[in-house]
Amino acid sequence: MSEAVTYGNYLRLDELLALQKPRDEVEHDEMLFIVIHQVYELWFKVLLHEIDYCCVLLSKSDTPRASHTLNRVLTILKVLVAQLDILETMTPTEFLTFRERLDSASGFQSDQFRALEAVLGRKTRASVERFAEGTRAREALEQRWSTPTLWDHFLRYLADEGHAVPEHQLGRDVTQPVEACEELQQVLVELYRNDAKNTVLCERLVDLDEGLQEWRYRHVKMVERTIGQKTGTGGSGGSAYLRTTLNSAVFPDLWAIRSQL
């Protein structure tokens, strides 16, 4: 006879609650640090799940559900930003009580965040090759590397909707980063002027881009507030590097057309 489904075994709470293991039980704040970052990884997993679903919906020209899914993604991004408020309750001196025990561990090693960047069009081989061959992370990122991005699915959707998306954009090398295209921008300008339904979908993508930039900005400020200009854990560039990622649009064409409307 199968075991009855309960709240605990459905959510596998015994396993879940055993995953928080501070390296030193004495330091009070290390528990918060671990839980916040584990929760981030869970939200990254959901974001990838939802964006992949949005790509499927776009391929089916299911505009209402694609828009609804993007709204869910935007709501999750707001939660990610709000979680930084919790981390900022930890003072620099409290973080220092356990920082050295992080050793080489760094947020740069989050393969799911690299996967999120990839599905949004920011692909680099360095992000893939940072992870050892044969690992779960490397295999997942290799798959993302060769898979069309959300933007690629969106352009195919627009073509199916009757918009004259340039062929070189529809057939572009999906292993390369998404780059601005003036020819495509003219198509988008006409879309904004004549296609209210898909203008709304474009604006959801702008919201997504802006939400990701907001999270990056708040993340930089949290790091500066906690460690200032120090080198990050694992030898990373810390806030100096993170600042170079600010104001970098993942959908550059949707920003470029604003002055043309």
C-alpha atoms as a PDB file:
ATOM      1  CA  MET A   1       0.000   0.000   0.000  1.00  0.00           C
ATOM      2  CA  SER A   2       1.430   3.374  -0.990  1.00  0.00           C
ATOM      3  CA  GLU A   3       2.197   5.968   1.640  1.00  0.00           C
ATOM      4  CA  ALA A   4      -0.446   8.632   2.156  1.00  0.00           C
ATOM      5  CA  VAL A   5       0.519  12.018   0.765  1.00  0.00           C
ATOM      6  CA  THR A   6       1.159  14.508   3.547  1.00  0.00           C
ATOM      7  CA  TYR A   7       2.442  18.073   3.590  1.00  0.00           C
ATOM      8  CA  GLY A   8       5.794  16.836   4.836  1.00  0.00           C
ATOM      9  CA  ASN A   9       6.457  14.011   2.402  1.00  0.00           C
ATOM     10  CA  TYR A  10       5.030  15.864  -0.612  1.00  0.00           C
ATOM     11  CA  LEU A  11       7.470  18.734  -0.020  1.00  0.00           C
ATOM     12  CA  ARG A  12      10.200  16.358   1.242  1.00  0.00           C
ATOM     13  CA  LEU A  13      10.648  18.547   4.287  1.00  0.00           C
ATOM     14  CA  ASP A  14      12.987  16.184   6.120  1.00  0.00           C
ATOM     15  CA  GLU A  15      15.497  16.382   3.258  1.00  0.00           C
ATOM     16  CA  LEU A  16      14.906  20.100   2.707  1.00  0.00           C
ATOM     17  CA  LEU A  17      15.415  21.129   6.323  1.00  0.00           C
ATOM     18  CA  ALA A  18      18.575  19.019   6.561  1.00  0.00           C
ATOM     19  CA  LEU A  19      20.269  21.035   3.800  1.00  0.00           C
ATOM     20  CA  GLN A  20      21.135  24.078   5.926  1.00  0.00           C
ATOM     21  CA  LYS A  21      24.504  23.236   7.458  1.00  0.00           C
ATOM     22  CA  PRO A  22      26.545  26.229   8.607  1.00  0.00           C
ATOM     23  CA  ARG A  23      30.271  25.520   8.655  1.00  0.00           C
ATOM     24  CA  ASP A  24      30.385  26.879  12.194  1.00  0.00           C
ATOM     25  CA  GLU A  25      27.294  26.500  14.376  1.00  0.00           C
ATOM     26  CA  VAL A  26      28.545  29.335  16.613  1.00  0.00           C
ATOM     27  CA  GLU A  27      27.975  32.145  14.101  1.00  0.00           C
ATOM     28  CA  HIS A  28      24.326  33.143  14.254  1.00  0.00           C
ATOM     29  CA  ASP A  29      24.119  34.924  10.852  1.00  0.00           C
ATOM     30  CA  GLU A  30      25.484  32.105   8.716  1.00  0.00           C
ATOM     31  CA  MET A  31      22.111  30.337   8.797  1.00  0.00           C
ATOM     32  CA  LEU A  32      20.398  33.366   7.234  1.00  0.00           C
ATOM     33  CA  PHE A  33      23.106  33.605   4.569  1.00  0.00           C
ATOM     34  CA  ILE A  34      22.680  29.959   3.566  1.00  0.00           C
ATOM     35  CA  VAL A  35      18.881  30.006   3.518  1.00  0.00           C
ATOM     36  CA  ILE A  36      18.684  33.192   1.419  1.00  0.00           C
ATOM     37  CA  HIS A  37      21.027  31.798  -1.210  1.00  0.00           C
ATOM     38  CA  GLN A  38      19.313  28.414  -1.303  1.00  0.00           C
ATOM     39  CA  VAL A  39      15.989  30.192  -1.795  1.00  0.00           C
ATOM     40  CA  TYR A  40      17.546  32.245  -4.617  1.00  0.00           C
ATOM     41  CA  GLU A  41      18.575  29.038  -6.364  1.00  0.00           C
ATOM     42  CA  LEU A  42      15.027  27.687  -6.025  1.00  0.00           C
ATOM     43  CA  TRP A  43      13.607  30.873  -7.538  1.00  0.00           C
ATOM     44  CA  PHE A  44      16.174  30.686 -10.368  1.00  0.00           C
ATOM     45  CA  LYS A  45      14.888  27.168 -11.025  1.00  0.00           C
ATOM     46  CA  VAL A  46      11.303  28.451 -11.215  1.00  0.00           C
ATOM     47  CA  LEU A  47      12.301  31.365 -13.469  1.00  0.00           C
ATOM     48  CA  LEU A  48      13.949  28.976 -15.931  1.00  0.00           C
ATOM     49  CA  HIS A  49      10.886  26.717 -15.767  1.00  0.00           C
ATOM     50  CA  GLU A  50       8.532  29.625 -16.513  1.00  0.00           C
ATOM     51  CA  ILE A  51      10.645  31.160 -19.283  1.00  0.00           C
ATOM     52  CA  ASP A  52      10.961  27.781 -20.992  1.00  0.00           C
ATOM     53  CA  TYR A  53       7.174  27.473 -20.789  1.00  0.00           C
ATOM     54  CA  CYS A  54       6.778  30.955 -22.253  1.00  0.00           C
ATOM     55  CA  CYS A  55       8.946  29.877 -25.210  1.00  0.00           C
ATOM     56  CA  VAL A  56       6.638  26.909 -25.802  1.00  0.00           C
ATOM     57  CA  LEU A  57       3.572  29.159 -25.651  1.00  0.00           C
ATOM     58  CA  LEU A  58       5.105  31.604 -28.127  1.00  0.00           C
ATOM     59  CA  SER A  59       5.820  28.727 -30.516  1.00  0.00           C
ATOM     60  CA  LYS A  60       2.100  27.898 -30.313  1.00  0.00           C
ATOM     61  CA  SER A  61       1.093  31.565 -30.787  1.00  0.00           C
ATOM     62  CA  ASP A  62      -0.729  31.410 -27.450  1.00  0.00           C
ATOM     63  CA  THR A  63      -0.451  35.130 -26.743  1.00  0.00           C
ATOM     64  CA  PRO A  64      -2.671  35.376 -23.624  1.00  0.00           C
ATOM     65  CA  ARG A  65      -0.897  32.609 -21.732  1.00  0.00           C
ATOM     66  CA  ALA A  66       2.545  33.794 -22.858  1.00  0.00           C
ATOM     67  CA  SER A  67       1.723  37.251 -21.473  1.00  0.00           C
ATOM     68  CA  HIS A  68       0.380  35.726 -18.255  1.00  0.00           C
ATOM     69  CA  THR A  69       3.565  33.676 -17.845  1.00  0.00           C
ATOM     70  CA  LEU A  70       5.724  36.757 -18.326  1.00  0.00           C
ATOM     71  CA  ASN A  71       3.697  38.506 -15.629  1.00  0.00           C
ATOM     72  CA  ARG A  72       4.504  35.622 -13.289  1.00  0.00           C
ATOM     73  CA  VAL A  73       8.212  35.968 -14.124  1.00  0.00           C
ATOM     74  CA  LEU A  74       8.021  39.698 -13.334  1.00  0.00           C
ATOM     75  CA  THR A  75       6.401  38.978  -9.971  1.00  0.00           C
ATOM     76  CA  ILE A  76       9.160  36.511  -9.088  1.00  0.00           C
ATOM     77  CA  LEU A  77      11.788  39.118  -9.976  1.00  0.00           C
ATOM     78  CA  LYS A  78      10.153  41.492  -7.488  1.00  0.00           C
ATOM     79  CA  VAL A  79      10.506  38.794  -4.828  1.00  0.00           C
ATOM     80  CA  LEU A  80      14.201  38.406  -5.688  1.00  0.00           C
ATOM     81  CA  VAL A  81      14.713  42.130  -5.179  1.00  0.00           C
ATOM     82  CA  ALA A  82      12.784  42.077  -1.889  1.00  0.00           C
ATOM     83  CA  GLN A  83      14.967  39.257  -0.538  1.00  0.00           C
ATOM     84  CA  LEU A  84      17.950  41.615  -0.699  1.00  0.00           C
ATOM     85  CA  ASP A  85      16.253  43.659   2.014  1.00  0.00           C
ATOM     86  CA  ILE A  86      16.627  40.659   4.300  1.00  0.00           C
ATOM     87  CA  LEU A  87      20.318  40.227   3.482  1.00  0.00           C
ATOM     88  CA  GLU A  88      20.886  43.902   4.219  1.00  0.00           C
ATOM     89  CA  THR A  89      19.815  43.348   7.827  1.00  0.00           C
ATOM     90  CA  MET A  90      23.232  41.679   8.217  1.00  0.00           C
ATOM     91  CA  THR A  91      25.908  44.240   9.051  1.00  0.00           C
ATOM     92  CA  PRO A  92      29.457  44.109   7.617  1.00  0.00           C
ATOM     93  CA  THR A  93      30.832  42.959  10.981  1.00  0.00           C
ATOM     94  CA  GLU A  94      28.245  40.183  11.212  1.00  0.00           C
ATOM     95  CA  PHE A  95      29.174  38.944   7.729  1.00  0.00           C
ATOM     96  CA  LEU A  96      32.863  39.011   8.625  1.00  0.00           C
ATOM     97  CA  THR A  97      32.278  36.530  11.453  1.00  0.00           C
ATOM     98  CA  PHE A  98      31.950  33.724   8.897  1.00  0.00           C
ATOM     99  CA  ARG A  99      33.075  35.182   5.523  1.00  0.00           C
ATOM    100  CA  GLU A 100      36.519  33.560   5.591  1.00  0.00           C
ATOM    101  CA  ARG A 101      34.912  30.132   5.892  1.00  0.00           C
ATOM    102  CA  LEU A 102      33.261  30.591   2.489  1.00  0.00           C
ATOM    103  CA  ASP A 103      36.735  29.835   1.108  1.00  0.00           C
ATOM    104  CA  SER A 104      36.460  29.799  -2.724  1.00  0.00           C
ATOM    105  CA  ALA A 105      32.643  29.778  -2.799  1.00  0.00           C
ATOM    106  CA  SER A 106      31.154  32.654  -4.789  1.00  0.00           C
ATOM    107  CA  GLY A 107      27.874  33.670  -6.368  1.00  0.00           C
ATOM    108  CA  PHE A 108      29.750  33.656  -9.690  1.00  0.00           C
ATOM    109  CA  GLN A 109      29.518  29.862  -9.425  1.00  0.00           C
ATOM    110  CA  SER A 110      25.716  29.858  -9.704  1.00  0.00           C
ATOM    111  CA  ASP A 111      25.172  27.865 -12.891  1.00  0.00           C
ATOM    112  CA  GLN A 112      21.425  28.526 -12.771  1.00  0.00           C
ATOM    113  CA  PHE A 113      21.976  32.279 -12.929  1.00  0.00           C
ATOM    114  CA  ARG A 114      24.299  31.716 -15.898  1.00  0.00           C
ATOM    115  CA  ALA A 115      21.545  29.608 -17.469  1.00  0.00           C
ATOM    116  CA  LEU A 116      19.086  32.453 -16.861  1.00  0.00           C
ATOM    117  CA  GLU A 117      21.438  34.881 -18.591  1.00  0.00           C
ATOM    118  CA  ALA A 118      21.788  32.437 -21.498  1.00  0.00           C
ATOM    119  CA  VAL A 119      18.056  31.972 -22.066  1.00  0.00           C
ATOM    120  CA  LEU A 120      17.723  35.772 -22.084  1.00  0.00           C
ATOM    121  CA  GLY A 121      20.429  36.090 -24.739  1.00  0.00           C
ATOM    122  CA  ARG A 122      23.618  36.852 -22.812  1.00  0.00           C
ATOM    123  CA  LYS A 123      25.706  33.873 -23.924  1.00  0.00           C
ATOM    124  CA  THR A 124      29.467  33.503 -23.497  1.00  0.00           C
ATOM    125  CA  ARG A 125      31.643  30.415 -23.674  1.00  0.00           C
ATOM    126  CA  ALA A 126      33.412  31.581 -20.519  1.00  0.00           C
ATOM    127  CA  SER A 127      30.167  31.151 -18.578  1.00  0.00           C
ATOM    128  CA  VAL A 128      29.911  27.567 -19.804  1.00  0.00           C
ATOM    129  CA  GLU A 129      33.562  26.618 -19.428  1.00  0.00           C
ATOM    130  CA  ARG A 130      33.694  27.894 -15.863  1.00  0.00           C
ATOM    131  CA  PHE A 131      32.191  24.505 -14.908  1.00  0.00           C
ATOM    132  CA  ALA A 132      34.003  21.178 -15.201  1.00  0.00           C
ATOM    133  CA  GLU A 133      33.094  18.799 -18.006  1.00  0.00           C
ATOM    134  CA  GLY A 134      30.771  15.985 -16.965  1.00  0.00           C
ATOM    135  CA  THR A 135      29.141  17.946 -14.155  1.00  0.00           C
ATOM    136  CA  ARG A 136      25.419  18.637 -13.979  1.00  0.00           C
ATOM    137  CA  ALA A 137      26.120  22.367 -14.297  1.00  0.00           C
ATOM    138  CA  ARG A 138      28.271  22.026 -17.417  1.00  0.00           C
ATOM    139  CA  GLU A 139      25.783  19.742 -19.148  1.00  0.00           C
ATOM    140  CA  ALA A 140      22.900  22.103 -18.370  1.00  0.00           C
ATOM    141  CA  LEU A 141      24.807  25.128 -19.662  1.00  0.00           C
ATOM    142  CA  GLU A 142      25.955  23.329 -22.826  1.00  0.00           C
ATOM    143  CA  GLN A 143      22.288  22.633 -23.537  1.00  0.00           C
ATOM    144  CA  ARG A 144      21.391  26.292 -22.953  1.00  0.00           C
ATOM    145  CA  TRP A 145      24.288  27.336 -25.185  1.00  0.00           C
ATOM    146  CA  SER A 146      22.850  25.578 -28.229  1.00  0.00           C
ATOM    147  CA  THR A 147      19.174  26.369 -27.576  1.00  0.00           C
ATOM    148  CA  PRO A 148      17.281  29.387 -28.991  1.00  0.00           C
ATOM    149  CA  THR A 149      16.740  32.205 -26.510  1.00  0.00           C
ATOM    150  CA  LEU A 150      13.465  33.761 -25.416  1.00  0.00           C
ATOM    151  CA  TRP A 151      14.162  36.543 -27.926  1.00  0.00           C
ATOM    152  CA  ASP A 152      14.578  34.028 -30.755  1.00  0.00           C
ATOM    153  CA  HIS A 153      11.224  32.463 -29.896  1.00  0.00           C
ATOM    154  CA  PHE A 154       9.653  35.921 -29.740  1.00  0.00           C
ATOM    155  CA  LEU A 155      10.968  36.883 -33.186  1.00  0.00           C
ATOM    156  CA  ARG A 156       9.631  33.638 -34.675  1.00  0.00           C
ATOM    157  CA  TYR A 157       6.293  34.381 -33.003  1.00  0.00           C
ATOM    158  CA  LEU A 158       6.220  37.870 -34.553  1.00  0.00           C
ATOM    159  CA  ALA A 159       6.970  36.377 -37.979  1.00  0.00           C
ATOM    160  CA  ASP A 160       4.074  33.948 -37.527  1.00  0.00           C
ATOM    161  CA  GLU A 161       1.924  36.954 -36.615  1.00  0.00           C
ATOM    162  CA  GLY A 162       2.702  38.482 -40.002  1.00  0.00           C
ATOM    163  CA  HIS A 163       5.477  40.928 -39.109  1.00  0.00           C
ATOM    164  CA  ALA A 164       8.389  41.229 -41.548  1.00  0.00           C
ATOM    165  CA  VAL A 165      11.137  40.059 -39.227  1.00  0.00           C
ATOM    166  CA  PRO A 166      14.413  39.987 -41.220  1.00  0.00           C
ATOM    167  CA  GLU A 167      15.421  36.487 -42.292  1.00  0.00           C
ATOM    168  CA  HIS A 168      18.930  36.937 -40.931  1.00  0.00           C
ATOM    169  CA  GLN A 169      17.382  37.487 -37.491  1.00  0.00           C
ATOM    170  CA  LEU A 170      15.177  34.403 -37.737  1.00  0.00           C
ATOM    171  CA  GLY A 171      18.145  32.301 -38.838  1.00  0.00           C
ATOM    172  CA  ARG A 172      20.794  33.847 -36.590  1.00  0.00           C
ATOM    173  CA  ASP A 173      23.391  31.761 -34.736  1.00  0.00           C
ATOM    174  CA  VAL A 174      21.651  31.131 -31.396  1.00  0.00           C
ATOM    175  CA  THR A 175      24.976  30.478 -29.654  1.00  0.00           C
ATOM    176  CA  GLN A 176      25.816  34.167 -30.047  1.00  0.00           C
ATOM    177  CA  PRO A 177      24.634  36.999 -27.775  1.00  0.00           C
ATOM    178  CA  VAL A 178      21.552  38.951 -28.827  1.00  0.00           C
ATOM    179  CA  GLU A 179      22.650  42.190 -30.501  1.00  0.00           C
ATOM    180  CA  ALA A 180      20.775  45.265 -31.702  1.00  0.00           C
ATOM    181  CA  CYS A 181      19.587  45.318 -35.323  1.00  0.00           C
ATOM    182  CA  GLU A 182      18.429  48.562 -36.994  1.00  0.00           C
ATOM    183  CA  GLU A 183      16.434  46.688 -39.634  1.00  0.00           C
ATOM    184  CA  LEU A 184      14.522  44.814 -36.937  1.00  0.00           C
ATOM    185  CA  GLN A 185      13.952  48.051 -35.035  1.00  0.00           C
ATOM    186  CA  GLN A 186      11.975  49.458 -37.958  1.00  0.00           C
ATOM    187  CA  VAL A 187       9.712  46.403 -37.846  1.00  0.00           C
ATOM    188  CA  LEU A 188       9.188  46.942 -34.120  1.00  0.00           C
ATOM    189  CA  VAL A 189       8.376  50.634 -34.624  1.00  0.00           C
ATOM    190  CA  GLU A 190       5.635  49.658 -37.088  1.00  0.00           C
ATOM    191  CA  LEU A 191       4.396  47.038 -34.647  1.00  0.00           C
ATOM    192  CA  TYR A 192       4.064  49.625 -31.871  1.00  0.00           C
ATOM    193  CA  ARG A 193       2.122  51.915 -34.174  1.00  0.00           C
ATOM    194  CA  ASN A 194      -0.281  49.326 -35.582  1.00  0.00           C
ATOM    195  CA  ASP A 195      -0.454  46.191 -33.407  1.00  0.00           C
ATOM    196  CA  ALA A 196      -1.804  46.875 -29.920  1.00  0.00           C
ATOM    197  CA  LYS A 197      -1.915  43.211 -28.878  1.00  0.00           C
ATOM    198  CA  ASN A 198       1.748  42.552 -29.537  1.00  0.00           C
ATOM    199  CA  THR A 199       2.792  45.960 -28.257  1.00  0.00           C
ATOM    200  CA  VAL A 200       1.604  44.736 -24.845  1.00  0.00           C
ATOM    201  CA  LEU A 201       3.782  41.626 -25.202  1.00  0.00           C
ATOM    202  CA  CYS A 202       6.779  43.784 -26.166  1.00  0.00           C
ATOM    203  CA  GLU A 203       6.208  45.892 -23.071  1.00  0.00           C
ATOM    204  CA  ARG A 204       6.216  42.760 -20.881  1.00  0.00           C
ATOM    205  CA  LEU A 205       9.657  41.952 -22.272  1.00  0.00           C
ATOM    206  CA  VAL A 206      10.803  45.504 -21.479  1.00  0.00           C
ATOM    207  CA  ASP A 207       9.457  45.005 -17.949  1.00  0.00           C
ATOM    208  CA  LEU A 208      11.454  41.778 -17.696  1.00  0.00           C
ATOM    209  CA  ASP A 209      14.618  43.493 -18.888  1.00  0.00           C
ATOM    210  CA  GLU A 210      14.103  46.379 -16.461  1.00  0.00           C
ATOM    211  CA  GLY A 211      13.332  43.993 -13.593  1.00  0.00           C
ATOM    212  CA  LEU A 212      16.578  42.119 -14.157  1.00  0.00           C
ATOM    213  CA  GLN A 213      18.506  45.400 -14.243  1.00  0.00           C
ATOM    214  CA  GLU A 214      16.817  46.467 -11.001  1.00  0.00           C
ATOM    215  CA  TRP A 215      17.903  43.220  -9.343  1.00  0.00           C
ATOM    216  CA  ARG A 216      21.477  43.743 -10.567  1.00  0.00           C
ATOM    217  CA  TYR A 217      21.530  47.289  -9.180  1.00  0.00           C
ATOM    218  CA  ARG A 218      20.155  46.263  -5.795  1.00  0.00           C
ATOM    219  CA  HIS A 219      22.613  43.359  -5.686  1.00  0.00           C
ATOM    220  CA  VAL A 220      25.540  45.730  -6.305  1.00  0.00           C
ATOM    221  CA  LYS A 221      24.366  48.065  -3.542  1.00  0.00           C
ATOM    222  CA  MET A 222      23.930  45.143  -1.140  1.00  0.00           C
ATOM    223  CA  VAL A 223      27.499  43.977  -1.855  1.00  0.00           C
ATOM    224  CA  GLU A 224      28.893  47.508  -1.440  1.00  0.00           C
ATOM    225  CA  ARG A 225      26.972  47.906   1.792  1.00  0.00           C
ATOM    226  CA  THR A 226      28.333  44.609   3.136  1.00  0.00           C
ATOM    227  CA  ILE A 227      31.966  44.478   1.945  1.00  0.00           C
ATOM    228  CA  GLY A 228      32.571  47.866   0.313  1.00  0.00           C
ATOM    229  CA  GLN A 229      35.214  47.677  -2.431  1.00  0.00           C
ATOM    230  CA  LYS A 230      36.863  44.497  -1.145  1.00  0.00           C
ATOM    231  CA  THR A 231      37.561  41.603  -3.487  1.00  0.00           C
ATOM    232  CA  GLY A 232      34.670  39.153  -3.537  1.00  0.00           C
ATOM    233  CA  THR A 233      34.817  35.623  -2.191  1.00  0.00           C
ATOM    234  CA  GLY A 234      36.600  33.133  -4.408  1.00  0.00           C
ATOM    235  CA  GLY A 235      38.740  35.955  -5.839  1.00  0.00           C
ATOM    236  CA  SER A 236      35.848  37.517  -7.752  1.00  0.00           C
ATOM    237  CA  GLY A 237      35.889  41.191  -8.591  1.00  0.00           C
ATOM    238  CA  GLY A 238      33.208  42.052  -6.030  1.00  0.00           C
ATOM    239  CA  SER A 239      31.189  45.211  -6.537  1.00  0.00           C
ATOM    240  CA  ALA A 240      33.669  46.614  -9.091  1.00  0.00           C
ATOM    241  CA  TYR A 241      32.871  43.758 -11.468  1.00  0.00           C
ATOM    242  CA  LEU A 242      29.145  43.767 -10.690  1.00  0.00           C
ATOM    243  CA  ARG A 243      28.929  47.442 -11.663  1.00  0.00           C
ATOM    244  CA  THR A 244      30.109  46.552 -15.180  1.00  0.00           C
ATOM    245  CA  THR A 245      26.949  44.462 -15.628  1.00  0.00           C
ATOM    246  CA  LEU A 246      24.584  47.343 -14.883  1.00  0.00           C
ATOM    247  CA  ASN A 247      22.503  48.986 -17.621  1.00  0.00           C
ATOM    248  CA  SER A 248      23.215  46.153 -20.034  1.00  0.00           C
ATOM    249  CA  ALA A 249      19.949  45.411 -21.821  1.00  0.00           C
ATOM    250  CA  VAL A 250      19.084  41.848 -22.801  1.00  0.00           C
ATOM    251  CA  PHE A 251      16.575  43.084 -25.409  1.00  0.00           C
ATOM    252  CA  PRO A 252      18.463  46.086 -26.865  1.00  0.00           C
ATOM    253  CA  ASP A 253      16.128  46.624 -29.835  1.00  0.00           C
ATOM    254  CA  LEU A 254      13.142  47.258 -27.569  1.00  0.00           C
ATOM    255  CA  TRP A 255      15.088  50.035 -25.833  1.00  0.00           C
ATOM    256  CA  ALA A 256      16.559  51.493 -29.017  1.00  0.00           C
ATOM    257  CA  ILE A 257      13.140  52.203 -30.547  1.00  0.00           C
ATOM    258  CA  ARG A 258      11.892  54.343 -27.647  1.00  0.00           C
ATOM    259  CA  SER A 259      13.220  57.539 -29.230  1.00  0.00           C
ATOM    260  CA  GLN A 260      11.579  56.650 -32.560  1.00  0.00           C
ATOM    261  CA  LEU A 261       8.020  56.304 -31.287  1.00  0.00           C
END
